[in-house]
Every structure is written in structure tokens, then in C-alpha cells.
Amino acid sequence: MGARKVCYNHVGGVVPVYVPDTSAIIEGIISKLVKEGKIRGKIVIHRAVLAELEHQANIGKATGFAGLAEVRRLRELARQGLIEVELGGERPKAFEIKTAHLGSIDALIRDYAYEIGATLITGDRVQALVAEAMGINVIYIPPKREIKLSIEDMFDDNTMSIHLKEGVKPLAKKGRPGEWKLVPIGDKPLSRKEIEEIAREIIEAAKRRADGFIESDRSGSTIVQLGLYRIVITRPPFSDGWEITAVKPLRKLRLEDYKLPAKVLRRLEERAEGILIAGAPGMGKTTFAQALAEYYARKGKIVKTIESPRDMVLPSEITQYSKTYAESGELH
């Protein structure tokens, strides 16, 4: 590495310089720190970050769109005079973008922060530890357990799911499995910008909340689990517009609550194999599967689930596997 540089302003004072990595941009950390007055000075966005976000957006991943939206917010804050924003570093090679998951982009950003004497901002613990080992100043923002989402405010005790689509008034499915109705919960149709903002908020929360994860992020669709909420985000070209569906279980049942015939219970306990749970959407298939898994766990059996998406709410003694993240040979 070459000699480290220091940035000065026009009157000779040192200007604080910050270099955010991709995780910080995607999670919306930087704009929040600026709005809270916690950072001032110059923010240098490495071209590798933009290249990675562009790649993700081009293949339809929500993380790419969320990151590009954060860059737009930073540009707006710069126009307001709160910070300076500029690009730095060289655009990565194609193979570096494709191997970003192996840490190649993180290394480029880290080395650049070292070379210009900047503070690295990251939401990635490993990135923070490596940077500190290199002697780089680091602002590490650890995941928060709870980040309140605007979509959570749309739920009440009687709401099974929320349905948001651009150009349509927001709808809530209210009632219980087998007996529900769709009810408008807004006076005007949602714009694409409003839906995109809600989607960005969900993606950021999934990346930062301890009880959240992105189950699947494909071209045109993203599946997120946030605590009890299972959220599906779709966008063109997969769907004809942006759409968000969020589902939350109303109640948790034990197998005994279903009042099954004694003969069926004996069959389940003694020699049930290949149980098929069938029913229309919203009829409670997942709720019954949860009750069945917990029933076997209470009987002292080792219980593991294979799910796609991994959205059942189960006690910690039951291991939940994600079909999305595994090859068939790993699961069978």
C-alpha cells in the first residue's frame, strides 16, 4: 500500500472523510447518521460499491435497488449542504463483481479507505474487524434487534395479511382462516415511489434486525422473514408492478386444539409417514404444520423442518433448514 493521504478544506482544516462499504449503503446507515448530525464532512463512495449495486439491480435484486436509493438520498443531503459526496477508486473488474460474496469488493473498499486516511463505515462485523486490524478508523453499526416498520402499523389483532400494490389502495385481509374478507385500509392508491420506499425499509430491517433475514432475492422477487412477518416483494418484470404482501399468524395452536379424532392422533403418534397437508391459501396449513412439529418435539422426538420459505415459528429445540440455501444432497 502507498502513503496515506489527508484531506483539507479551503481554509486549511482537516476534513473528516468517510468511506462506506456496500453493507452500509444497502442498510441505509449513512443518511441516518448524517440526518442525526453524527457525521459531517466528505463521503467518498467507492466505484466498486456502485458497480456492485448496479449488478444487483440489473439482475432484479431488492438489495441493489435499496442501495441505489440510499445513494440518491446522500446526493440530496449534499445538495442541502450537510455533507460532500464524491466518487473515488477504480471500477472493479467483472470477475471482482462476480466474486463479491467472497470479499473481493470489501477488500477494495477497505484498501481505499486506508490509502486516503478515511474512516470506514460498515454494518459487517468481519469487515470491521479486518479494517481495525489494518489500523483503519471504523464506524461499525451492529444489527438492531428491533426496527419499527411502517407496514407493522397496518396490522391489528384481526389482520391476517397486508396487500400493497402500486396504483391500488392498500388492502388488509381480516378475519381468521376460512372466514375472512379484504378491507381497504387507505383512502388513495399507492404510488410506485411509496411502494419502493416501504420495500427499502423492509430490506434494510432484514439486513440489520437479529430476527430478520432475506430468504430469497431473485430477479423480480424477494422473500423476507422479519420476526413473525413473512413478506414477499415482487416487481417488474416478474409482476406488472411493484407489490408487497406481508403475512402474520394471528394465533398459535397446539395439535390438541384441533380436536382430532383419537384414531387420527394414534396414527400420528405411532406410525404416521408422509403426511400431506392440503388446503387453499389462507386456510391454516402452516399453522397446522407448526402444531404438528411441536407435538412431535413434546413427545421427545428429534424434529427438523425443511422449508421454502423458512417461515414457521418454532421453539429453538426444533432445527429449521432453508431449502433455498441448500443443495438437495445436503438435505437428503
Foldseek 3Di string as FASTA:
>chain_A
DDAAAFDADPVGHTFAEEEEALQCLLLLPVLVCLVVVNDAGEYEYELQNLVLLVVCVVQAFLSSVLSVVSVVSVVVVVVVVSYHYYYDDDHDDPVLSVCVVVPSRLVRSLVVCRRHLHEYEHQDPVSQVVSVVVVHHYDHDAFDQDDDAPVVVVDDLFFFKWKAWAPDAIWTWGHAAPDTDIDGPDDGHHHQVRLSVSSSNQSSNQSRHPQKHWLDTGRFWTWIEHNQKTKIWGAPPVDPHTMMMIGGDSDADALVVVVDDPVVVCCLPPPDDDDDQDDDPRNCSLSNVQNSQVVVVVVVDAAEEEDDPQNRDHDPSYHYHYPSPDDPVVVD
